[in-house]
């Protein structure tokens, strides 16, 4: 099996000072990429004293000690200015940008009865707005160069929800929609965008009982991210799950549903099991045009029914 390498490629990895991001940065660098190690050095809430260059600098030192090339950047993805500075650090240091991995994250817990607006915004600022803050300046660079790989980070909390983290769940669900748009708008320019849904025991798991977990180190997730970041990546607009050694695809599907020319509330109730029947579900990839295909298939049911009545 030929080794997949990143020689002459430049990657930005956000939240790369610790945990998953560190593992991504080390792997890309070990395979030849020049890496911008971005991390402001704050706590898991994202509100600690900073910026602290120590976390990012330590990863840079590891990369350089192994013969690789990297620079540290302590700007925060939580602002548009920070996002631009992160992208510019790649251009300033290495003259180009090929790969963007948005991994930075924070967590602030609170039930729907308790969660403050400030804590809701603070999490969206890093995860979802943070993704846009780096995608927005990076996308023109990638598209104009005719090549790019974007990897954005969602979560099982974004796919399925979890108690006490409405902010995190909303942000992580939004990541999937953002990646789909990057994939669509980047398709003709050689820019591919996908989502990783990782699960690993890192400092974000502090306070959780992980004693019954199987091995779940960040190194089990990094190869999937590496492949999504590589030029051989053959997919775009998709979501890969990487948890405890399992790599899988997550996808959105629709049931064929039930067509009627008109509906009452009662009829929806009567038909709900048929509406929910997953037999022959539709899987509509975002690229080349899942949006249009959704409408086309939906409208076709109405047209076919009208022709049958006629």
C-alpha atoms as a PDB file:
ATOM      1  CA  UNK A   1       0.000   0.000   0.000  1.00  0.00           C
ATOM      2  CA  UNK A   2       1.478   3.327  -1.081  1.00  0.00           C
ATOM      3  CA  UNK A   3       1.920   5.862   1.689  1.00  0.00           C
ATOM      4  CA  UNK A   4      -0.282   8.918   1.261  1.00  0.00           C
ATOM      5  CA  UNK A   5       1.806  12.029   1.779  1.00  0.00           C
ATOM      6  CA  UNK A   6       1.304  15.791   1.988  1.00  0.00           C
ATOM      7  CA  UNK A   7       4.632  17.014   0.639  1.00  0.00           C
ATOM      8  CA  UNK A   8       4.433  20.669  -0.455  1.00  0.00           C
ATOM      9  CA  UNK A   9       0.976  21.026   1.095  1.00  0.00           C
ATOM     10  CA  UNK A  10       0.176  23.617   3.750  1.00  0.00           C
ATOM     11  CA  UNK A  11      -2.428  22.876   6.412  1.00  0.00           C
ATOM     12  CA  UNK A  12      -4.146  24.962   9.062  1.00  0.00           C
ATOM     13  CA  UNK A  13      -5.430  23.025  12.065  1.00  0.00           C
ATOM     14  CA  UNK A  14      -7.457  24.978  14.621  1.00  0.00           C
ATOM     15  CA  UNK A  15      -7.500  23.871  18.238  1.00  0.00           C
ATOM     16  CA  UNK A  16      -4.264  21.994  17.566  1.00  0.00           C
ATOM     17  CA  UNK A  17      -2.511  22.544  20.882  1.00  0.00           C
ATOM     18  CA  UNK A  18      -4.027  19.516  22.572  1.00  0.00           C
ATOM     19  CA  UNK A  19      -6.184  16.457  22.051  1.00  0.00           C
ATOM     20  CA  UNK A  20      -7.577  15.685  18.615  1.00  0.00           C
ATOM     21  CA  UNK A  21      -6.169  18.792  16.941  1.00  0.00           C
ATOM     22  CA  UNK A  22      -2.671  18.037  18.160  1.00  0.00           C
ATOM     23  CA  UNK A  23      -2.914  14.515  16.770  1.00  0.00           C
ATOM     24  CA  UNK A  24      -4.113  15.840  13.393  1.00  0.00           C
ATOM     25  CA  UNK A  25      -1.265  18.349  13.221  1.00  0.00           C
ATOM     26  CA  UNK A  26       1.357  15.758  14.123  1.00  0.00           C
ATOM     27  CA  UNK A  27       0.060  13.270  11.568  1.00  0.00           C
ATOM     28  CA  UNK A  28      -0.119  15.772   8.714  1.00  0.00           C
ATOM     29  CA  UNK A  29       3.355  17.046   9.527  1.00  0.00           C
ATOM     30  CA  UNK A  30       4.754  13.517   9.758  1.00  0.00           C
ATOM     31  CA  UNK A  31       3.471  12.935   6.224  1.00  0.00           C
ATOM     32  CA  UNK A  32       5.178  16.046   4.874  1.00  0.00           C
ATOM     33  CA  UNK A  33       2.710  18.911   5.335  1.00  0.00           C
ATOM     34  CA  UNK A  34       3.725  22.315   6.625  1.00  0.00           C
ATOM     35  CA  UNK A  35       1.324  23.063   9.458  1.00  0.00           C
ATOM     36  CA  UNK A  36      -0.097  26.137  11.144  1.00  0.00           C
ATOM     37  CA  UNK A  37      -0.766  24.984  14.692  1.00  0.00           C
ATOM     38  CA  UNK A  38      -3.564  27.241  15.906  1.00  0.00           C
ATOM     39  CA  UNK A  39      -4.501  27.330  19.579  1.00  0.00           C
ATOM     40  CA  UNK A  40      -5.083  30.326  21.868  1.00  0.00           C
ATOM     41  CA  UNK A  41      -4.285  28.225  24.922  1.00  0.00           C
ATOM     42  CA  UNK A  42      -7.544  28.740  26.810  1.00  0.00           C
ATOM     43  CA  UNK A  43      -9.493  26.347  29.034  1.00  0.00           C
ATOM     44  CA  UNK A  44     -12.309  24.063  27.869  1.00  0.00           C
ATOM     45  CA  UNK A  45     -14.882  26.808  28.447  1.00  0.00           C
ATOM     46  CA  UNK A  46     -12.900  29.095  26.204  1.00  0.00           C
ATOM     47  CA  UNK A  47     -12.676  31.828  28.806  1.00  0.00           C
ATOM     48  CA  UNK A  48      -9.344  31.222  30.501  1.00  0.00           C
ATOM     49  CA  UNK A  49      -6.468  33.649  30.499  1.00  0.00           C
ATOM     50  CA  UNK A  50      -4.850  33.872  27.073  1.00  0.00           C
ATOM     51  CA  UNK A  51      -3.537  33.865  24.555  1.00  0.00           C
ATOM     52  CA  UNK A  52      -1.024  31.356  25.862  1.00  0.00           C
ATOM     53  CA  UNK A  53       1.481  30.448  23.179  1.00  0.00           C
ATOM     54  CA  UNK A  54       2.644  27.452  25.190  1.00  0.00           C
ATOM     55  CA  UNK A  55       0.225  24.830  23.869  1.00  0.00           C
ATOM     56  CA  UNK A  56       0.692  25.667  20.198  1.00  0.00           C
ATOM     57  CA  UNK A  57       4.430  26.210  20.599  1.00  0.00           C
ATOM     58  CA  UNK A  58       4.842  22.795  22.222  1.00  0.00           C
ATOM     59  CA  UNK A  59       3.251  21.075  19.224  1.00  0.00           C
ATOM     60  CA  UNK A  60       5.379  23.112  16.838  1.00  0.00           C
ATOM     61  CA  UNK A  61       8.453  22.008  18.801  1.00  0.00           C
ATOM     62  CA  UNK A  62       7.394  18.361  18.471  1.00  0.00           C
ATOM     63  CA  UNK A  63       6.950  18.743  14.724  1.00  0.00           C
ATOM     64  CA  UNK A  64      10.264  20.498  14.262  1.00  0.00           C
ATOM     65  CA  UNK A  65      12.091  17.964  16.437  1.00  0.00           C
ATOM     66  CA  UNK A  66      10.827  15.261  14.065  1.00  0.00           C
ATOM     67  CA  UNK A  67      12.141  17.186  11.060  1.00  0.00           C
ATOM     68  CA  UNK A  68       8.893  18.847  10.022  1.00  0.00           C
ATOM     69  CA  UNK A  69       7.873  22.453   9.474  1.00  0.00           C
ATOM     70  CA  UNK A  70       5.266  24.311  11.503  1.00  0.00           C
ATOM     71  CA  UNK A  71       4.383  27.678  12.987  1.00  0.00           C
ATOM     72  CA  UNK A  72       2.255  28.552  15.987  1.00  0.00           C
ATOM     73  CA  UNK A  73      -0.737  30.882  15.848  1.00  0.00           C
ATOM     74  CA  UNK A  74      -2.604  31.906  19.003  1.00  0.00           C
ATOM     75  CA  UNK A  75      -5.437  33.839  17.387  1.00  0.00           C
ATOM     76  CA  UNK A  76      -8.983  32.832  18.307  1.00  0.00           C
ATOM     77  CA  UNK A  77     -11.500  31.495  15.794  1.00  0.00           C
ATOM     78  CA  UNK A  78     -14.224  33.172  17.858  1.00  0.00           C
ATOM     79  CA  UNK A  79     -13.878  36.430  15.899  1.00  0.00           C
ATOM     80  CA  UNK A  80     -13.749  37.265  12.216  1.00  0.00           C
ATOM     81  CA  UNK A  81     -10.472  39.082  12.789  1.00  0.00           C
ATOM     82  CA  UNK A  82      -8.993  36.014  14.442  1.00  0.00           C
ATOM     83  CA  UNK A  83     -10.130  33.780  11.607  1.00  0.00           C
ATOM     84  CA  UNK A  84      -8.510  36.024   9.017  1.00  0.00           C
ATOM     85  CA  UNK A  85      -5.288  36.140  11.025  1.00  0.00           C
ATOM     86  CA  UNK A  86      -5.148  32.350  11.200  1.00  0.00           C
ATOM     87  CA  UNK A  87      -5.444  32.013   7.426  1.00  0.00           C
ATOM     88  CA  UNK A  88      -2.983  34.843   6.859  1.00  0.00           C
ATOM     89  CA  UNK A  89      -0.460  33.121   9.123  1.00  0.00           C
ATOM     90  CA  UNK A  90      -0.323  30.236   6.627  1.00  0.00           C
ATOM     91  CA  UNK A  91       0.143  32.588   3.697  1.00  0.00           C
ATOM     92  CA  UNK A  92       2.761  34.644   5.528  1.00  0.00           C
ATOM     93  CA  UNK A  93       4.769  31.648   6.718  1.00  0.00           C
ATOM     94  CA  UNK A  94       4.456  29.295   3.777  1.00  0.00           C
ATOM     95  CA  UNK A  95       3.009  31.279   0.873  1.00  0.00           C
ATOM     96  CA  UNK A  96      -0.027  29.084   0.278  1.00  0.00           C
ATOM     97  CA  UNK A  97      -2.891  27.157   1.841  1.00  0.00           C
ATOM     98  CA  UNK A  98      -4.169  23.734   0.780  1.00  0.00           C
ATOM     99  CA  UNK A  99      -5.897  22.209   3.801  1.00  0.00           C
ATOM    100  CA  UNK A 100      -8.173  23.656   6.468  1.00  0.00           C
ATOM    101  CA  UNK A 101      -9.128  21.527   9.468  1.00  0.00           C
ATOM    102  CA  UNK A 102     -11.432  23.297  11.905  1.00  0.00           C
ATOM    103  CA  UNK A 103     -11.220  21.400  15.156  1.00  0.00           C
ATOM    104  CA  UNK A 104     -11.297  24.157  17.790  1.00  0.00           C
ATOM    105  CA  UNK A 105     -13.975  23.699  20.390  1.00  0.00           C
ATOM    106  CA  UNK A 106     -15.241  24.616  23.819  1.00  0.00           C
ATOM    107  CA  UNK A 107     -18.037  23.396  26.043  1.00  0.00           C
ATOM    108  CA  UNK A 108     -20.367  25.098  28.499  1.00  0.00           C
ATOM    109  CA  UNK A 109     -23.018  22.976  30.145  1.00  0.00           C
ATOM    110  CA  UNK A 110     -26.526  23.968  31.085  1.00  0.00           C
ATOM    111  CA  UNK A 111     -30.045  22.573  30.775  1.00  0.00           C
ATOM    112  CA  UNK A 112     -32.659  24.426  28.752  1.00  0.00           C
ATOM    113  CA  UNK A 113     -33.931  25.812  32.047  1.00  0.00           C
ATOM    114  CA  UNK A 114     -30.489  27.133  32.991  1.00  0.00           C
ATOM    115  CA  UNK A 115     -28.372  27.809  29.911  1.00  0.00           C
ATOM    116  CA  UNK A 116     -27.497  31.482  29.638  1.00  0.00           C
ATOM    117  CA  UNK A 117     -27.529  33.416  26.384  1.00  0.00           C
ATOM    118  CA  UNK A 118     -23.874  34.235  26.975  1.00  0.00           C
ATOM    119  CA  UNK A 119     -22.944  30.561  27.216  1.00  0.00           C
ATOM    120  CA  UNK A 120     -25.048  29.721  24.163  1.00  0.00           C
ATOM    121  CA  UNK A 121     -23.269  32.371  22.106  1.00  0.00           C
ATOM    122  CA  UNK A 122     -19.822  31.523  23.444  1.00  0.00           C
ATOM    123  CA  UNK A 123     -20.077  27.951  22.157  1.00  0.00           C
ATOM    124  CA  UNK A 124     -21.511  28.966  18.781  1.00  0.00           C
ATOM    125  CA  UNK A 125     -18.728  31.547  18.490  1.00  0.00           C
ATOM    126  CA  UNK A 126     -16.051  28.864  18.582  1.00  0.00           C
ATOM    127  CA  UNK A 127     -17.677  25.885  16.878  1.00  0.00           C
ATOM    128  CA  UNK A 128     -20.049  27.250  14.235  1.00  0.00           C
ATOM    129  CA  UNK A 129     -19.179  30.912  13.776  1.00  0.00           C
ATOM    130  CA  UNK A 130     -15.563  29.850  14.286  1.00  0.00           C
ATOM    131  CA  UNK A 131     -15.872  27.510  11.321  1.00  0.00           C
ATOM    132  CA  UNK A 132     -17.203  30.347   9.185  1.00  0.00           C
ATOM    133  CA  UNK A 133     -14.529  32.720  10.472  1.00  0.00           C
ATOM    134  CA  UNK A 134     -11.808  30.497   9.005  1.00  0.00           C
ATOM    135  CA  UNK A 135     -13.749  29.181   6.003  1.00  0.00           C
ATOM    136  CA  UNK A 136     -14.650  32.678   4.809  1.00  0.00           C
ATOM    137  CA  UNK A 137     -11.044  33.893   4.291  1.00  0.00           C
ATOM    138  CA  UNK A 138      -9.710  30.453   3.321  1.00  0.00           C
ATOM    139  CA  UNK A 139     -12.254  29.613   0.631  1.00  0.00           C
ATOM    140  CA  UNK A 140     -11.222  32.273  -1.924  1.00  0.00           C
ATOM    141  CA  UNK A 141      -7.575  31.266  -1.482  1.00  0.00           C
ATOM    142  CA  UNK A 142      -8.361  27.606  -2.094  1.00  0.00           C
ATOM    143  CA  UNK A 143     -10.791  28.205  -4.945  1.00  0.00           C
ATOM    144  CA  UNK A 144      -8.496  30.637  -6.753  1.00  0.00           C
ATOM    145  CA  UNK A 145      -5.692  28.076  -6.522  1.00  0.00           C
ATOM    146  CA  UNK A 146      -7.965  25.391  -7.941  1.00  0.00           C
ATOM    147  CA  UNK A 147      -7.443  23.000  -5.056  1.00  0.00           C
ATOM    148  CA  UNK A 148      -8.434  22.606  -1.440  1.00  0.00           C
ATOM    149  CA  UNK A 149      -9.503  20.228   1.283  1.00  0.00           C
ATOM    150  CA  UNK A 150     -11.762  21.443   4.092  1.00  0.00           C
ATOM    151  CA  UNK A 151     -12.549  19.268   7.115  1.00  0.00           C
ATOM    152  CA  UNK A 152     -15.052  20.631   9.619  1.00  0.00           C
ATOM    153  CA  UNK A 153     -15.878  18.994  12.944  1.00  0.00           C
ATOM    154  CA  UNK A 154     -19.354  17.969  14.043  1.00  0.00           C
ATOM    155  CA  UNK A 155     -20.279  15.607  16.867  1.00  0.00           C
ATOM    156  CA  UNK A 156     -22.639  12.812  17.809  1.00  0.00           C
ATOM    157  CA  UNK A 157     -24.234  15.574  19.886  1.00  0.00           C
ATOM    158  CA  UNK A 158     -24.908  17.445  16.655  1.00  0.00           C
ATOM    159  CA  UNK A 159     -26.340  14.359  14.978  1.00  0.00           C
ATOM    160  CA  UNK A 160     -28.461  13.045  17.829  1.00  0.00           C
ATOM    161  CA  UNK A 161     -28.457  15.687  20.556  1.00  0.00           C
ATOM    162  CA  UNK A 162     -27.511  15.324  24.198  1.00  0.00           C
ATOM    163  CA  UNK A 163     -28.912  16.689  27.431  1.00  0.00           C
ATOM    164  CA  UNK A 164     -27.424  19.839  28.868  1.00  0.00           C
ATOM    165  CA  UNK A 165     -25.632  21.044  25.721  1.00  0.00           C
ATOM    166  CA  UNK A 166     -28.174  22.772  23.492  1.00  0.00           C
ATOM    167  CA  UNK A 167     -25.475  25.250  22.479  1.00  0.00           C
ATOM    168  CA  UNK A 168     -23.042  22.514  21.457  1.00  0.00           C
ATOM    169  CA  UNK A 169     -25.692  20.452  19.666  1.00  0.00           C
ATOM    170  CA  UNK A 170     -26.975  23.417  17.672  1.00  0.00           C
ATOM    171  CA  UNK A 171     -23.459  24.473  16.673  1.00  0.00           C
ATOM    172  CA  UNK A 172     -22.412  20.991  15.624  1.00  0.00           C
ATOM    173  CA  UNK A 173     -25.566  20.436  13.579  1.00  0.00           C
ATOM    174  CA  UNK A 174     -24.959  23.744  11.799  1.00  0.00           C
ATOM    175  CA  UNK A 175     -21.465  22.600  10.826  1.00  0.00           C
ATOM    176  CA  UNK A 176     -22.967  19.992   8.491  1.00  0.00           C
ATOM    177  CA  UNK A 177     -24.961  22.593   6.571  1.00  0.00           C
ATOM    178  CA  UNK A 178     -21.929  24.865   6.284  1.00  0.00           C
ATOM    179  CA  UNK A 179     -19.752  22.046   4.943  1.00  0.00           C
ATOM    180  CA  UNK A 180     -22.384  21.169   2.345  1.00  0.00           C
ATOM    181  CA  UNK A 181     -22.298  24.729   1.024  1.00  0.00           C
ATOM    182  CA  UNK A 182     -18.489  24.708   0.885  1.00  0.00           C
ATOM    183  CA  UNK A 183     -18.704  21.435  -1.050  1.00  0.00           C
ATOM    184  CA  UNK A 184     -21.271  22.831  -3.482  1.00  0.00           C
ATOM    185  CA  UNK A 185     -19.546  26.145  -4.114  1.00  0.00           C
ATOM    186  CA  UNK A 186     -16.129  24.515  -4.243  1.00  0.00           C
ATOM    187  CA  UNK A 187     -17.025  21.664  -6.587  1.00  0.00           C
ATOM    188  CA  UNK A 188     -15.985  23.389  -9.803  1.00  0.00           C
ATOM    189  CA  UNK A 189     -12.782  24.744  -8.235  1.00  0.00           C
ATOM    190  CA  UNK A 190     -11.352  21.503  -6.897  1.00  0.00           C
ATOM    191  CA  UNK A 191     -12.287  22.292  -3.288  1.00  0.00           C
ATOM    192  CA  UNK A 192     -13.750  19.384  -1.361  1.00  0.00           C
ATOM    193  CA  UNK A 193     -15.363  19.740   2.036  1.00  0.00           C
ATOM    194  CA  UNK A 194     -16.393  17.026   4.445  1.00  0.00           C
ATOM    195  CA  UNK A 195     -17.328  16.650   8.104  1.00  0.00           C
ATOM    196  CA  UNK A 196     -15.649  14.493  10.715  1.00  0.00           C
ATOM    197  CA  UNK A 197     -17.655  13.289  13.717  1.00  0.00           C
ATOM    198  CA  UNK A 198     -14.928  12.239  16.158  1.00  0.00           C
ATOM    199  CA  UNK A 199     -15.131  10.711  19.583  1.00  0.00           C
ATOM    200  CA  UNK A 200     -12.038  10.487  21.749  1.00  0.00           C
ATOM    201  CA  UNK A 201     -11.127  10.806  25.386  1.00  0.00           C
ATOM    202  CA  UNK A 202      -9.596  14.276  25.619  1.00  0.00           C
ATOM    203  CA  UNK A 203      -9.830  17.096  28.153  1.00  0.00           C
ATOM    204  CA  UNK A 204     -13.374  17.826  26.916  1.00  0.00           C
ATOM    205  CA  UNK A 205     -14.280  14.543  28.605  1.00  0.00           C
ATOM    206  CA  UNK A 206     -13.038  15.765  31.990  1.00  0.00           C
ATOM    207  CA  UNK A 207     -15.603  14.946  34.640  1.00  0.00           C
ATOM    208  CA  UNK A 208     -17.177  12.073  32.681  1.00  0.00           C
ATOM    209  CA  UNK A 209     -16.912   8.453  33.804  1.00  0.00           C
ATOM    210  CA  UNK A 210     -14.936   6.837  30.973  1.00  0.00           C
ATOM    211  CA  UNK A 211     -13.895   3.723  32.908  1.00  0.00           C
ATOM    212  CA  UNK A 212     -16.032   1.431  30.751  1.00  0.00           C
ATOM    213  CA  UNK A 213     -14.897   2.941  27.445  1.00  0.00           C
ATOM    214  CA  UNK A 214     -12.790   0.915  25.013  1.00  0.00           C
ATOM    215  CA  UNK A 215      -9.540   2.488  23.762  1.00  0.00           C
ATOM    216  CA  UNK A 216     -10.546   5.914  22.443  1.00  0.00           C
ATOM    217  CA  UNK A 217      -7.373   7.898  21.945  1.00  0.00           C
ATOM    218  CA  UNK A 218      -7.195  10.730  19.395  1.00  0.00           C
ATOM    219  CA  UNK A 219      -4.823   8.630  17.291  1.00  0.00           C
ATOM    220  CA  UNK A 220      -7.793   6.444  16.291  1.00  0.00           C
ATOM    221  CA  UNK A 221      -9.562   9.420  14.711  1.00  0.00           C
ATOM    222  CA  UNK A 222      -6.612  11.134  13.029  1.00  0.00           C
ATOM    223  CA  UNK A 223      -6.282   8.787  10.015  1.00  0.00           C
ATOM    224  CA  UNK A 224      -9.848   9.495   8.869  1.00  0.00           C
ATOM    225  CA  UNK A 225      -9.151  13.212   9.063  1.00  0.00           C
ATOM    226  CA  UNK A 226      -5.878  12.659   7.220  1.00  0.00           C
ATOM    227  CA  UNK A 227      -7.643  10.913   4.365  1.00  0.00           C
ATOM    228  CA  UNK A 228     -10.313  13.634   4.120  1.00  0.00           C
ATOM    229  CA  UNK A 229      -7.466  16.164   3.930  1.00  0.00           C
ATOM    230  CA  UNK A 230      -5.552  14.268   1.244  1.00  0.00           C
ATOM    231  CA  UNK A 231      -5.662  14.911  -2.500  1.00  0.00           C
ATOM    232  CA  UNK A 232      -6.880  11.330  -3.031  1.00  0.00           C
ATOM    233  CA  UNK A 233     -10.057  12.025  -1.033  1.00  0.00           C
ATOM    234  CA  UNK A 234     -12.839  10.969  -3.397  1.00  0.00           C
ATOM    235  CA  UNK A 235     -15.855  12.330  -1.534  1.00  0.00           C
ATOM    236  CA  UNK A 236     -17.284  15.753  -0.809  1.00  0.00           C
ATOM    237  CA  UNK A 237     -20.308  16.956   1.097  1.00  0.00           C
ATOM    238  CA  UNK A 238     -20.268  13.854   3.302  1.00  0.00           C
ATOM    239  CA  UNK A 239     -19.846  13.036   6.982  1.00  0.00           C
ATOM    240  CA  UNK A 240     -17.532  10.397   8.436  1.00  0.00           C
ATOM    241  CA  UNK A 241     -17.789   9.104  11.987  1.00  0.00           C
ATOM    242  CA  UNK A 242     -14.646   7.974  13.806  1.00  0.00           C
ATOM    243  CA  UNK A 243     -15.132   6.469  17.259  1.00  0.00           C
ATOM    244  CA  UNK A 244     -13.171   3.806  19.158  1.00  0.00           C
ATOM    245  CA  UNK A 245     -11.601   2.374  16.016  1.00  0.00           C
ATOM    246  CA  UNK A 246     -14.821   2.424  13.971  1.00  0.00           C
ATOM    247  CA  UNK A 247     -15.017   4.580  10.847  1.00  0.00           C
ATOM    248  CA  UNK A 248     -18.457   4.941   9.282  1.00  0.00           C
ATOM    249  CA  UNK A 249     -20.557   7.248   7.151  1.00  0.00           C
ATOM    250  CA  UNK A 250     -23.430   9.238   8.627  1.00  0.00           C
ATOM    251  CA  UNK A 251     -26.015  10.537   6.211  1.00  0.00           C
ATOM    252  CA  UNK A 252     -29.406  12.185   6.023  1.00  0.00           C
ATOM    253  CA  UNK A 253     -32.237  10.311   4.325  1.00  0.00           C
ATOM    254  CA  UNK A 254     -35.924  10.927   3.652  1.00  0.00           C
ATOM    255  CA  UNK A 255     -38.729   8.410   3.569  1.00  0.00           C
ATOM    256  CA  UNK A 256     -40.680   8.405   0.297  1.00  0.00           C
ATOM    257  CA  UNK A 257     -43.597   9.638   2.330  1.00  0.00           C
ATOM    258  CA  UNK A 258     -47.231   9.840   1.318  1.00  0.00           C
ATOM    259  CA  UNK A 259     -48.710  12.135  -1.313  1.00  0.00           C
ATOM    260  CA  UNK A 260     -52.229  13.555  -1.097  1.00  0.00           C
ATOM    261  CA  UNK A 261     -53.628  16.553  -2.983  1.00  0.00           C
ATOM    262  CA  UNK A 262     -54.801  17.968   0.346  1.00  0.00           C
ATOM    263  CA  UNK A 263     -54.405  17.113   3.998  1.00  0.00           C
ATOM    264  CA  UNK A 264     -56.248  17.482   7.270  1.00  0.00           C
ATOM    265  CA  UNK A 265     -54.707  17.209  10.703  1.00  0.00           C
ATOM    266  CA  UNK A 266     -56.553  13.934  11.194  1.00  0.00           C
ATOM    267  CA  UNK A 267     -55.236  12.491   7.934  1.00  0.00           C
ATOM    268  CA  UNK A 268     -51.645  13.221   8.931  1.00  0.00           C
ATOM    269  CA  UNK A 269     -52.264  11.244  12.119  1.00  0.00           C
ATOM    270  CA  UNK A 270     -53.866   8.368  10.238  1.00  0.00           C
ATOM    271  CA  UNK A 271     -51.002   8.188   7.761  1.00  0.00           C
ATOM    272  CA  UNK A 272     -48.114   8.788  10.172  1.00  0.00           C
ATOM    273  CA  UNK A 273     -46.758   5.229  10.073  1.00  0.00           C
ATOM    274  CA  UNK A 274     -46.743   5.229   6.269  1.00  0.00           C
ATOM    275  CA  UNK A 275     -45.139   8.671   6.312  1.00  0.00           C
ATOM    276  CA  UNK A 276     -42.409   7.333   8.596  1.00  0.00           C
ATOM    277  CA  UNK A 277     -41.849   4.076   6.666  1.00  0.00           C
ATOM    278  CA  UNK A 278     -38.137   3.964   5.807  1.00  0.00           C
ATOM    279  CA  UNK A 279     -38.530   1.411   3.003  1.00  0.00           C
ATOM    280  CA  UNK A 280     -36.875   2.734  -0.181  1.00  0.00           C
ATOM    281  CA  UNK A 281     -35.650   5.881   1.561  1.00  0.00           C
ATOM    282  CA  UNK A 282     -34.169   8.678  -0.500  1.00  0.00           C
ATOM    283  CA  UNK A 283     -30.488   9.485  -0.003  1.00  0.00           C
ATOM    284  CA  UNK A 284     -29.807  12.807  -1.706  1.00  0.00           C
ATOM    285  CA  UNK A 285     -26.098  13.786  -1.728  1.00  0.00           C
ATOM    286  CA  UNK A 286     -25.544  17.515  -1.386  1.00  0.00           C
ATOM    287  CA  UNK A 287     -23.195  17.414  -4.401  1.00  0.00           C
ATOM    288  CA  UNK A 288     -23.986  17.701  -7.225  1.00  0.00           C
ATOM    289  CA  UNK A 289     -27.413  19.036  -6.216  1.00  0.00           C
ATOM    290  CA  UNK A 290     -29.359  17.314  -3.475  1.00  0.00           C
ATOM    291  CA  UNK A 291     -31.473  20.445  -2.973  1.00  0.00           C
ATOM    292  CA  UNK A 292     -32.825  20.329  -6.529  1.00  0.00           C
ATOM    293  CA  UNK A 293     -33.158  16.538  -6.492  1.00  0.00           C
ATOM    294  CA  UNK A 294     -35.274  16.770  -3.341  1.00  0.00           C
ATOM    295  CA  UNK A 295     -37.653  19.161  -5.082  1.00  0.00           C
ATOM    296  CA  UNK A 296     -37.652  17.172  -8.319  1.00  0.00           C
ATOM    297  CA  UNK A 297     -38.599  13.918  -6.617  1.00  0.00           C
ATOM    298  CA  UNK A 298     -41.183  15.627  -4.413  1.00  0.00           C
ATOM    299  CA  UNK A 299     -42.815  17.413  -7.346  1.00  0.00           C
ATOM    300  CA  UNK A 300     -42.779  14.185  -9.381  1.00  0.00           C
ATOM    301  CA  UNK A 301     -45.097  12.529  -6.866  1.00  0.00           C
ATOM    302  CA  UNK A 302     -47.642  15.285  -7.295  1.00  0.00           C
ATOM    303  CA  UNK A 303     -47.335  15.198 -11.087  1.00  0.00           C
ATOM    304  CA  UNK A 304     -47.693  11.418 -11.261  1.00  0.00           C
ATOM    305  CA  UNK A 305     -50.735  11.500  -8.997  1.00  0.00           C
ATOM    306  CA  UNK A 306     -52.380  14.220 -11.090  1.00  0.00           C
ATOM    307  CA  UNK A 307     -51.757  12.256 -14.299  1.00  0.00           C
ATOM    308  CA  UNK A 308     -53.201   9.128 -12.699  1.00  0.00           C
ATOM    309  CA  UNK A 309     -56.362  10.974 -11.657  1.00  0.00           C
ATOM    310  CA  UNK A 310     -56.635  12.534 -15.124  1.00  0.00           C
END
